[in-house]
Protein backbone atom coordinates (compact mmCIF):
# COMPACT_ATOMS: atom_id res chain seq x y z
CA UNK A 1 76.97 228.72 56.10
CA UNK A 2 76.51 226.75 52.94
CA UNK A 3 79.36 224.52 54.00
CA UNK A 4 77.56 223.73 57.25
CA UNK A 5 74.41 222.99 55.34
CA UNK A 6 76.25 220.67 53.00
CA UNK A 7 77.85 218.88 55.92
CA UNK A 8 74.60 218.74 57.96
CA UNK A 9 72.50 217.36 55.16
CA UNK A 10 74.48 214.11 54.66
CA UNK A 11 74.62 213.62 58.41
CA UNK A 12 70.90 214.11 58.67
CA UNK A 13 70.35 211.65 55.78
CA UNK A 14 72.56 209.09 57.43
CA UNK A 15 70.78 209.46 60.74
CA UNK A 16 67.39 209.38 59.06
CA UNK A 17 68.33 206.19 57.06
CA UNK A 18 69.68 204.46 60.16
CA UNK A 19 66.52 205.34 62.03
CA UNK A 20 64.28 204.07 59.27
CA UNK A 21 66.31 200.83 59.03
CA UNK A 22 66.19 200.41 62.80
CA UNK A 23 62.45 200.90 62.80
CA UNK A 24 62.05 198.43 59.88
CA UNK A 25 64.18 195.87 61.68
CA UNK A 26 62.09 196.31 64.83
CA UNK A 27 58.97 195.87 62.72
CA UNK A 28 60.36 192.70 61.10
CA UNK A 29 61.38 191.32 64.48
CA UNK A 30 57.96 191.99 65.88
CA UNK A 31 56.32 190.35 62.84
CA UNK A 32 58.61 187.27 63.15
CA UNK A 33 57.85 186.98 66.83
CA UNK A 34 54.15 187.19 66.13
CA UNK A 35 54.49 184.61 63.36
CA UNK A 36 56.52 182.31 65.61
CA UNK A 37 53.88 182.70 68.30
CA UNK A 38 51.15 181.75 65.82
CA UNK A 39 53.16 178.74 64.62
CA UNK A 40 53.73 177.72 68.22
CA UNK A 41 50.04 178.00 69.01
CA UNK A 42 49.13 176.04 65.85
CA UNK A 43 51.67 173.34 66.74
CA UNK A 44 50.25 173.13 70.26
CA UNK A 45 46.74 172.82 68.90
CA UNK A 46 47.87 170.17 66.39
CA UNK A 47 49.69 168.23 69.09
CA UNK A 48 46.65 168.35 71.32
CA UNK A 49 44.44 167.16 68.44
CA UNK A 50 46.83 164.32 67.66
CA UNK A 51 47.03 163.50 71.34
CA UNK A 52 43.24 163.31 71.56
CA UNK A 53 43.15 161.19 68.38
CA UNK A 54 45.80 158.84 69.72
CA UNK A 55 43.95 158.58 73.02
CA UNK A 56 40.75 157.75 71.17
CA UNK A 57 42.51 155.15 69.05
CA UNK A 58 44.15 153.66 72.16
CA UNK A 59 40.79 153.51 73.87
CA UNK A 60 39.23 151.86 70.81
CA UNK A 61 42.09 149.37 70.61
CA UNK A 62 41.82 148.69 74.32
CA UNK A 63 38.09 148.20 73.97
CA UNK A 64 38.54 145.83 71.02
CA UNK A 65 41.24 143.90 72.89
CA UNK A 66 38.99 143.70 75.94
CA UNK A 67 36.07 142.47 73.81
CA UNK A 68 38.32 139.90 72.13
CA UNK A 69 39.61 138.66 75.46
CA UNK A 70 36.09 138.48 76.82
CA UNK A 71 35.01 136.53 73.72
CA UNK A 72 37.93 134.13 74.10
CA UNK A 73 37.19 133.82 77.79
CA UNK A 74 33.56 132.96 77.03
CA UNK A 75 34.62 130.41 74.43
CA UNK A 76 37.09 128.84 76.85
CA UNK A 77 34.47 128.83 79.59
CA UNK A 78 31.99 127.16 77.21
CA UNK A 79 34.61 124.66 76.11
CA UNK A 80 35.48 123.95 79.72
CA UNK A 81 31.83 123.44 80.54
CA UNK A 82 31.46 121.06 77.60
CA UNK A 83 34.59 119.22 78.69
CA UNK A 84 33.31 118.99 82.27
CA UNK A 85 30.00 117.70 80.96
CA UNK A 86 31.76 115.03 78.90
CA UNK A 87 33.90 114.09 81.90
CA UNK A 88 30.81 113.77 84.07
CA UNK A 89 29.13 111.63 81.43
CA UNK A 90 32.19 109.43 81.16
CA UNK A 91 32.38 109.14 84.94
CA UNK A 92 28.74 108.14 85.09
CA UNK A 93 29.28 105.62 82.32
CA UNK A 94 32.39 104.32 84.05
CA UNK A 95 30.50 103.99 87.32
CA UNK A 96 27.78 102.01 85.57
CA UNK A 97 30.34 99.77 83.88
CA UNK A 98 32.17 99.29 87.18
CA UNK A 99 28.96 98.31 88.90
CA UNK A 100 28.13 95.93 86.05
CA UNK A 101 31.61 94.38 86.18
CA UNK A 102 31.39 93.95 89.93
CA UNK A 103 28.00 92.27 89.54
CA UNK A 104 29.33 89.97 86.83
CA UNK A 105 32.42 89.23 88.88
CA UNK A 106 30.30 88.24 91.86
CA UNK A 107 28.16 86.03 89.65
CA UNK A 108 31.30 84.49 88.21
CA UNK A 109 32.67 83.77 91.68
CA UNK A 110 29.38 82.16 92.69
CA UNK A 111 29.37 80.01 89.53
CA UNK A 112 33.03 79.13 90.06
CA UNK A 113 32.25 77.92 93.57
CA UNK A 114 29.40 75.78 92.32
CA UNK A 115 31.59 74.33 89.53
CA UNK A 116 34.32 73.50 92.04
CA UNK A 117 31.80 71.68 94.23
CA UNK A 118 30.54 69.72 91.18
CA UNK A 119 34.11 68.84 90.16
CA UNK A 120 34.82 67.45 93.59
CA UNK A 121 31.62 65.42 93.49
CA UNK A 122 32.46 64.09 90.00
CA UNK A 123 35.99 63.16 91.09
CA UNK A 124 34.61 61.20 94.01
CA UNK A 125 32.09 59.49 91.73
CA UNK A 126 34.83 58.74 89.18
CA UNK A 127 36.99 57.12 91.84
CA UNK A 128 34.10 54.91 92.88
CA UNK A 129 33.28 53.94 89.26
CA UNK A 130 36.95 53.25 88.41
CA UNK A 131 37.29 50.97 91.39
CA UNK A 132 34.11 49.13 90.47
CA UNK A 133 35.20 48.82 86.80
CA UNK A 134 38.62 47.43 87.78
CA UNK A 135 36.92 44.92 90.10
CA UNK A 136 34.50 43.76 87.36
CA UNK A 137 37.01 43.62 84.44
CA UNK A 138 39.96 42.36 86.37
CA UNK A 139 42.23 44.94 84.62
CA UNK A 140 43.99 47.99 85.94
CA UNK A 141 43.58 51.42 84.35
CA UNK A 142 47.01 51.32 82.68
CA UNK A 143 46.34 47.89 81.19
CA UNK A 144 42.99 49.03 79.76
CA UNK A 145 44.61 52.12 78.23
CA UNK A 146 47.30 50.05 76.51
CA UNK A 147 44.73 47.64 75.04
CA UNK A 148 42.50 50.47 73.74
CA UNK A 149 45.44 52.48 72.27
CA UNK A 150 46.82 49.40 70.51
CA UNK A 151 43.43 48.63 68.98
CA UNK A 152 42.89 52.24 67.83
CA UNK A 153 46.41 52.46 66.37
CA UNK A 154 45.98 49.31 64.26
CA UNK A 155 42.60 50.50 63.00
CA UNK A 156 43.93 53.97 62.16
CA UNK A 157 46.93 52.53 60.28
CA UNK A 158 44.67 50.28 58.24
CA UNK A 159 42.27 53.12 57.37
CA UNK A 160 45.13 55.52 56.55
CA UNK A 161 46.81 53.01 54.24
CA UNK A 162 43.56 52.41 52.39
CA UNK A 163 42.91 56.15 52.04
CA UNK A 164 46.49 56.73 50.88
CA UNK A 165 46.20 54.03 48.20
CA UNK A 166 42.91 55.53 47.02
CA UNK A 167 44.34 59.07 46.83
CA UNK A 168 47.40 57.83 44.94
CA UNK A 169 45.27 56.01 42.38
CA UNK A 170 42.99 59.02 41.85
CA UNK A 171 46.00 61.34 41.58
CA UNK A 172 47.61 59.14 38.92
CA UNK A 173 44.37 59.11 36.95
CA UNK A 174 43.56 62.83 37.18
CA UNK A 175 46.91 64.60 37.65
CA UNK A 176 47.62 65.20 33.97
CA UNK A 177 44.02 66.19 33.17
CA UNK A 178 43.82 68.59 36.12
CA UNK A 179 47.22 70.11 35.29
CA UNK A 180 46.03 70.83 31.75
CA UNK A 181 42.79 72.32 33.04
CA UNK A 182 44.64 74.53 35.50
CA UNK A 183 47.04 75.74 32.80
CA UNK A 184 44.22 76.47 30.34
CA UNK A 185 42.22 78.23 33.06
CA UNK A 186 45.21 80.36 33.96
CA UNK A 187 45.84 81.32 30.34
CA UNK A 188 42.19 82.26 29.85
CA UNK A 189 42.20 84.29 33.03
CA UNK A 190 45.39 86.19 32.33
CA UNK A 191 45.34 86.44 28.53
CA UNK A 192 44.61 89.84 27.08
CA UNK A 193 42.17 90.29 24.25
CA UNK A 194 43.60 90.23 20.74
CA UNK A 195 41.92 92.50 18.24
CA UNK A 196 42.21 92.03 14.53
CA UNK A 197 44.51 94.51 12.84
CA UNK A 198 43.42 96.12 9.61
CA UNK A 199 45.53 97.83 7.01
CA UNK A 200 42.75 100.25 6.09
CA UNK A 201 40.62 102.61 8.14
CA UNK A 202 37.66 104.78 7.23
CA UNK A 203 37.37 108.50 8.01
CA UNK A 204 33.87 109.99 8.10
CA UNK A 205 33.17 113.26 6.27
CA UNK A 206 30.51 115.85 7.09
CA UNK A 207 29.43 115.91 3.43
CA UNK A 208 30.59 114.80 -0.02
CA UNK A 209 31.81 118.31 -0.87
CA UNK A 210 34.66 117.75 1.57
CA UNK A 211 36.13 115.16 -0.83
CA UNK A 212 36.91 117.89 -3.33
CA UNK A 213 38.58 120.01 -0.69
CA UNK A 214 40.69 117.04 0.42
CA UNK A 215 41.80 116.43 -3.17
CA UNK A 216 42.52 120.13 -3.73
CA UNK A 217 43.36 121.95 -6.93
CA UNK A 218 44.98 119.50 -9.33
CA UNK A 219 45.25 117.03 -6.43
CA UNK A 220 47.85 119.03 -4.53
CA UNK A 221 46.23 118.56 -1.08
CA UNK A 222 45.86 114.78 -1.24
CA UNK A 223 49.29 114.44 -2.84
CA UNK A 224 50.87 116.46 -0.03
CA UNK A 225 49.13 114.41 2.65
CA UNK A 226 50.13 111.10 1.03
CA UNK A 227 53.72 112.27 0.61
CA UNK A 228 54.11 113.44 4.21
CA UNK A 229 52.48 110.40 5.84
CA UNK A 230 53.37 107.60 3.41
CA UNK A 231 49.80 106.27 3.14
CA UNK A 232 47.34 105.81 0.33
CA UNK A 233 44.13 107.84 0.60
CA UNK A 234 41.32 106.28 -1.43
CA UNK A 235 38.43 108.55 -2.40
CA UNK A 236 35.71 106.66 -4.23
CA UNK A 237 31.91 106.66 -4.47
CA UNK A 238 31.45 105.71 -0.81
CA UNK A 239 29.17 108.42 0.59
CA UNK A 240 30.68 110.78 3.21
CA UNK A 241 33.80 108.67 3.79
CA UNK A 242 37.38 108.27 2.61
CA UNK A 243 39.67 105.29 3.19
CA UNK A 244 43.24 105.49 4.53
CA UNK A 245 45.34 102.47 3.53
CA UNK A 246 48.79 101.61 4.91
CA UNK A 247 50.47 98.50 6.32
CA UNK A 248 52.38 100.57 8.91
CA UNK A 249 49.94 101.26 11.78
CA UNK A 250 51.91 104.28 13.02
CA UNK A 251 51.71 106.01 9.64
CA UNK A 252 48.08 105.04 9.29
CA UNK A 253 47.23 106.52 12.70
CA UNK A 254 49.11 109.74 11.92
CA UNK A 255 47.28 110.07 8.59
CA UNK A 256 43.88 109.32 10.15
CA UNK A 257 44.26 111.83 12.96
CA UNK A 258 45.68 114.47 10.63
CA UNK A 259 42.81 114.03 8.18
CA UNK A 260 40.19 114.21 10.94
CA UNK A 261 41.79 117.35 12.34
CA UNK A 262 41.95 119.00 8.92
CA UNK A 263 38.30 118.16 8.27
CA UNK A 264 37.28 119.56 11.65
CA UNK A 265 39.36 122.71 11.16
CA UNK A 266 38.19 123.31 7.59
CA UNK A 267 41.48 124.84 6.44
CA UNK A 268 42.91 122.36 3.96
CA UNK A 269 45.95 123.45 1.98
CA UNK A 270 49.55 122.17 1.68
CA UNK A 271 51.03 124.48 4.33
CA UNK A 272 48.31 123.69 6.84
CA UNK A 273 48.64 119.97 6.06
CA UNK A 274 52.35 120.09 6.86
CA UNK A 275 51.67 121.84 10.18
CA UNK A 276 48.96 119.37 11.22
CA UNK A 277 50.99 116.30 10.22
CA UNK A 278 53.99 117.58 12.18
CA UNK A 279 51.86 118.26 15.27
CA UNK A 280 50.08 114.89 15.07
CA UNK A 281 53.45 113.14 14.67
CA UNK A 282 54.59 114.76 17.93
CA UNK A 283 51.35 113.68 19.63
CA UNK A 284 51.83 110.08 18.48
CA UNK A 285 55.32 110.20 19.96
CA UNK A 286 53.83 111.32 23.26
CA UNK A 287 51.22 108.54 23.10
CA UNK A 288 54.00 106.00 22.51
CA UNK A 289 55.81 107.19 25.66
CA UNK A 290 52.58 107.17 27.72
CA UNK A 291 51.72 103.63 26.58
CA UNK A 292 55.15 102.46 27.70
CA UNK A 293 54.76 104.13 31.10
CA UNK A 294 51.26 102.67 31.51
CA UNK A 295 52.45 99.09 30.93
CA UNK A 296 55.37 99.55 33.35
CA UNK A 297 52.96 100.89 35.98
CA UNK A 298 50.49 98.02 35.48
CA UNK A 299 53.26 95.43 35.87
CA UNK A 300 54.99 97.21 38.75
CA UNK A 301 58.32 97.46 36.89
CA UNK A 302 60.54 100.42 37.84
CA UNK A 303 63.81 102.10 36.86
CA UNK A 304 63.41 101.91 33.08
CA UNK A 305 65.33 104.39 30.93
CA UNK A 306 63.37 106.67 28.53
CA UNK A 307 64.80 104.84 25.52
CA UNK A 308 63.36 101.59 26.83
CA UNK A 309 59.99 103.20 27.64
CA UNK A 310 59.69 104.49 24.07
CA UNK A 311 60.70 101.10 22.68
CA UNK A 312 57.98 99.42 24.74
CA UNK A 313 55.42 102.06 23.73
CA UNK A 314 56.09 101.55 20.01
CA UNK A 315 55.01 97.93 20.42
CA UNK A 316 51.48 99.30 20.91
CA UNK A 317 51.36 99.96 17.17
CA UNK A 318 53.08 96.73 16.09
CA UNK A 319 51.68 93.29 15.38
CA UNK A 320 53.22 89.85 15.00
CA UNK A 321 51.12 87.24 13.23
CA UNK A 322 48.14 89.49 13.86
CA UNK A 323 48.79 89.65 17.62
CA UNK A 324 49.47 93.04 19.20
CA UNK A 325 53.10 92.91 20.30
CA UNK A 326 52.63 95.12 23.37
CA UNK A 327 49.70 93.04 24.62
CA UNK A 328 51.72 89.88 23.92
CA UNK A 329 54.76 91.24 25.81
CA UNK A 330 52.62 92.25 28.78
CA UNK A 331 51.00 88.81 28.79
CA UNK A 332 54.42 87.09 28.66
CA UNK A 333 55.57 89.23 31.61
CA UNK A 334 52.55 88.19 33.68
CA UNK A 335 53.01 84.50 32.78
CA UNK A 336 56.73 84.65 33.54
CA UNK A 337 56.11 86.29 36.92
CA UNK A 338 53.56 83.63 37.90
CA UNK A 339 55.77 80.73 36.82
CA UNK A 340 58.83 82.23 38.56
CA UNK A 341 56.86 82.62 41.79
CA UNK A 342 55.78 78.98 41.64
CA UNK A 343 59.25 77.54 40.99
CA UNK A 344 61.14 79.87 43.35
CA UNK A 345 62.94 81.96 40.72
CA UNK A 346 63.33 85.76 40.73
CA UNK A 347 59.79 86.96 39.97
CA UNK A 348 60.64 90.62 39.21
CA UNK A 349 63.53 89.67 36.95
CA UNK A 350 61.35 87.19 35.05
CA UNK A 351 58.64 89.85 34.56
CA UNK A 352 61.20 92.37 33.29
CA UNK A 353 62.70 89.84 30.86
CA UNK A 354 59.24 88.83 29.63
CA UNK A 355 58.25 92.44 28.95
CA UNK A 356 61.48 93.22 27.08
CA UNK A 357 61.83 89.97 25.13
CA UNK A 358 60.27 91.43 21.93
CA UNK A 359 61.33 95.07 22.37
CA UNK A 360 63.45 94.82 19.23
CA UNK A 361 60.24 94.74 17.14
CA UNK A 362 59.60 98.37 18.08
CA UNK A 363 63.02 99.64 16.99
CA UNK A 364 63.35 101.35 13.62
CA UNK A 365 66.60 100.46 11.88
CA UNK A 366 68.10 100.23 8.44
CA UNK A 367 70.25 97.20 9.26
CA UNK A 368 69.52 93.55 8.54
CA UNK A 369 69.49 92.65 12.26
CA UNK A 370 66.48 90.71 13.52
CA UNK A 371 64.38 91.81 16.48
CA UNK A 372 66.33 89.59 18.91
CA UNK A 373 69.66 91.23 18.02
CA UNK A 374 68.12 94.70 18.14
CA UNK A 375 66.54 93.96 21.51
CA UNK A 376 69.81 92.68 22.97
CA UNK A 377 71.66 95.76 21.70
CA UNK A 378 69.08 98.09 23.25
CA UNK A 379 69.12 96.20 26.56
CA UNK A 380 72.91 96.52 26.74
CA UNK A 381 72.64 100.28 26.12
CA UNK A 382 70.14 100.48 28.98
CA UNK A 383 72.54 98.58 31.32
CA UNK A 384 70.05 95.79 31.95
CA UNK A 385 70.94 92.74 34.02
CA UNK A 386 72.79 90.02 32.11
CA UNK A 387 69.98 87.58 32.93
CA UNK A 388 67.48 89.94 31.30
CA UNK A 389 69.70 90.20 28.23
CA UNK A 390 69.98 86.41 28.09
CA UNK A 391 66.18 86.14 28.34
CA UNK A 392 65.86 88.39 25.28
CA UNK A 393 68.59 86.61 23.32
CA UNK A 394 67.48 83.05 24.12
CA UNK A 395 63.68 83.24 23.87
CA UNK A 396 63.85 81.79 20.33
CA UNK A 397 66.64 79.33 21.20
CA UNK A 398 69.31 81.30 19.31
CA UNK A 399 71.71 81.19 22.26
CA UNK A 400 71.93 78.87 25.30
CA UNK A 401 70.03 79.73 28.48
CA UNK A 402 72.21 80.95 31.33
CA UNK A 403 69.58 81.14 34.10
CA UNK A 404 66.19 79.79 35.13
CA UNK A 405 64.47 83.11 34.36
CA UNK A 406 65.56 82.88 30.71
CA UNK A 407 63.93 79.45 30.37
CA UNK A 408 60.76 80.79 32.04
CA UNK A 409 60.55 83.63 29.49
CA UNK A 410 60.74 81.15 26.61
CA UNK A 411 57.96 79.07 28.20
CA UNK A 412 55.78 82.11 28.80
CA UNK A 413 56.35 83.30 25.22
CA UNK A 414 55.23 79.91 23.90
CA UNK A 415 52.14 79.95 26.16
CA UNK A 416 51.07 83.41 24.99
CA UNK A 417 51.67 82.65 21.32
CA UNK A 418 49.98 79.25 21.35
CA UNK A 419 46.60 80.38 22.66
CA UNK A 420 43.82 79.64 20.13
CA UNK A 421 43.15 82.70 18.01
CA UNK A 422 46.14 84.63 19.33
CA UNK A 423 48.05 84.77 16.04
CA UNK A 424 47.43 84.71 12.33
CA UNK A 425 50.41 83.99 10.15
CA UNK A 426 48.92 85.43 6.95
CA UNK A 427 48.83 89.03 8.19
CA UNK A 428 52.41 88.87 9.39
CA UNK A 429 53.60 87.52 6.06
CA UNK A 430 51.66 90.26 4.31
CA UNK A 431 53.27 92.99 6.43
CA UNK A 432 56.70 91.43 5.94
CA UNK A 433 56.22 91.56 2.17
CA UNK A 434 55.34 95.26 2.33
CA UNK A 435 58.35 95.99 4.51
CA UNK A 436 60.59 94.15 2.04
CA UNK A 437 59.18 96.31 -0.78
CA UNK A 438 60.20 99.48 1.05
CA UNK A 439 63.61 98.15 2.07
CA UNK A 440 64.45 97.20 -1.55
CA UNK A 441 63.77 100.75 -2.71
CA UNK A 442 65.60 102.39 0.20
CA UNK A 443 68.79 100.43 -0.59
CA UNK A 444 69.32 102.53 -3.74
CA UNK A 445 71.41 105.71 -3.57
CA UNK A 446 69.43 108.92 -3.87
CA UNK A 447 66.19 107.46 -2.47
CA UNK A 448 64.95 109.53 0.47
CA UNK A 449 61.70 107.72 1.36
CA UNK A 450 59.73 104.76 0.07
CA UNK A 451 56.14 103.80 0.91
CA UNK A 452 54.26 100.64 -0.03
CA UNK A 453 50.62 101.64 -0.64
CA UNK A 454 47.43 100.21 -2.11
CA UNK A 455 47.87 96.95 -0.20
CA UNK A 456 51.31 96.46 -1.72
CA UNK A 457 50.21 96.96 -5.33
CA UNK A 458 52.14 100.23 -5.62
CA UNK A 459 55.55 101.39 -4.37
CA UNK A 460 55.83 105.16 -4.12
CA UNK A 461 59.42 106.45 -4.00
CA UNK A 462 60.75 109.97 -3.37
CA UNK A 463 64.30 110.80 -4.48
CA UNK A 464 66.65 113.69 -3.76
CA UNK A 465 66.33 116.14 -6.68
CA UNK A 466 69.86 117.43 -6.11
CA UNK A 467 71.60 114.07 -6.53
CA UNK A 468 69.19 112.33 -8.94
CA UNK A 469 68.25 113.73 -12.35
CA UNK A 470 65.09 112.93 -14.28
CA UNK A 471 66.93 110.38 -16.40
CA UNK A 472 68.57 108.92 -13.29
CA UNK A 473 65.18 108.59 -11.58
CA UNK A 474 63.89 106.62 -14.53
CA UNK A 475 66.86 104.24 -14.38
CA UNK A 476 66.43 103.78 -10.60
CA UNK A 477 62.74 102.93 -11.09
CA UNK A 478 63.62 100.24 -13.63
CA UNK A 479 66.33 98.81 -11.38
CA UNK A 480 63.96 98.67 -8.39
CA UNK A 481 61.28 96.91 -10.47
CA UNK A 482 63.80 94.28 -11.61
CA UNK A 483 65.05 93.72 -8.07
CA UNK A 484 61.48 93.24 -6.82
CA UNK A 485 60.83 90.67 -9.56
CA UNK A 486 63.99 88.80 -8.61
CA UNK A 487 63.67 88.82 -4.81
CA UNK A 488 59.96 88.78 -3.94
CA UNK A 489 56.93 86.63 -4.61
CA UNK A 490 53.64 88.50 -4.91
CA UNK A 491 50.26 88.20 -6.63
CA UNK A 492 49.51 90.35 -9.68
CA UNK A 493 51.87 93.20 -10.42
CA UNK A 494 53.44 96.06 -8.46
CA UNK A 495 53.47 99.63 -9.76
CA UNK A 496 56.70 101.57 -9.04
CA UNK A 497 56.06 105.35 -8.92
CA UNK A 498 59.09 107.62 -8.73
CA UNK A 499 58.64 111.20 -7.44
CA UNK A 500 61.25 113.89 -7.97
CA UNK A 501 60.27 117.41 -6.99
CA UNK A 502 62.05 120.68 -6.30
CA UNK A 503 60.84 122.64 -3.27
CA UNK A 504 62.11 126.20 -2.74
CA UNK A 505 61.20 128.09 0.43
CA UNK A 506 61.87 131.81 0.94
CA UNK A 507 60.65 134.21 3.62
CA UNK A 508 59.55 137.81 3.15
CA UNK A 509 60.63 139.85 6.19
């Protein structure tokens, strides 16, 4: 009995477990079906909502499209109506013009008929008068014509010969005077203004206290500015002003602009001075290039290399006998172009040669070459035409002329230079003396820079501290002073100041 119970119990447990699992599975299936049904219903509802929304959007889009088409249709209808109105107006105007033309044409035909009738009447009258005239004079028409033509021809020849003799006499008397007047008038019309060049310029200060800031502690600020720019800054009792003195206009302009910028900024110390001078130097270089481009544009000259443009621009800061070299070169180019056009030479080539004839004066070099040789060398580097190169080389008569344009450039150069008041020899000699002062010092070994300041009364020299000792600097100063005494003529005396300094720069990172 117990065995049956033990066997029956496991069987009953198995059956009971299977039943419970079956019931649970049925319950899960029913729950999944219900859940699927709910999801299906929700999806159907969502789809219907989206369908309604899409329908509404489609209707809105259709309505907007319909409104847009109606608006375009109205605009086109209005435009068509306006066009029809204009066409009708033009047709009415054309009808009026046609009627007017027809009226005028009819009037013209009537007048033409009347004129034809008058011509016939005049021809008949002329025939009668000609016959009567021939009967009275006893000459035919051809004979009368020959007599009249012969008489008129003799009279015309006599009058023409007299007029020709009179014109020739007046031309001989006034040709030279009128030619001179025309040439002078042309020069006055074309010539550019020549402004006097000064070796000093004044810089205004906001107050006298600024002078102390410019000088700086123990003069370090003014010494730095003078060293970097190569000018002489004069600070005296003149109220609210300092004077910048230098024979080189480029240096003077750099110093003036740097000083004005430092005064405006208010920060004046050696480091700031170096930054400002460097920036202003770059700006002056840009100005030089822009001046060259401006002159080329004004003259209509194209295809110039950057090296040539800079060489032309530097002439803006140069003078020759007190005449601005860039203005002189531009004037020579204009003169050369006019003369070439008159004599049948190449006008553009003559203008180009005239502009470049003094370009060597804007080239910085340490050689002994003159401006003609420097200009020829630069022109060859720029691959200029051989006629242009000959115009540069021959404008002072150093080499023979190889073309008509070269001769024209020499003539134009003489015209520009010979105008009253165009040049002053004294200023050029003065600048040449200052340049010779600097070149004498720069010929010595160890000299880095040399500046003639105080109107040539002082020569300030900076030497390389690594190659020149203190004793060597003293010997170089004596040698330079002796060479100046031997080679130059000058009023008074010249002070030779030698500067040897050691500058060490380190950076804290």
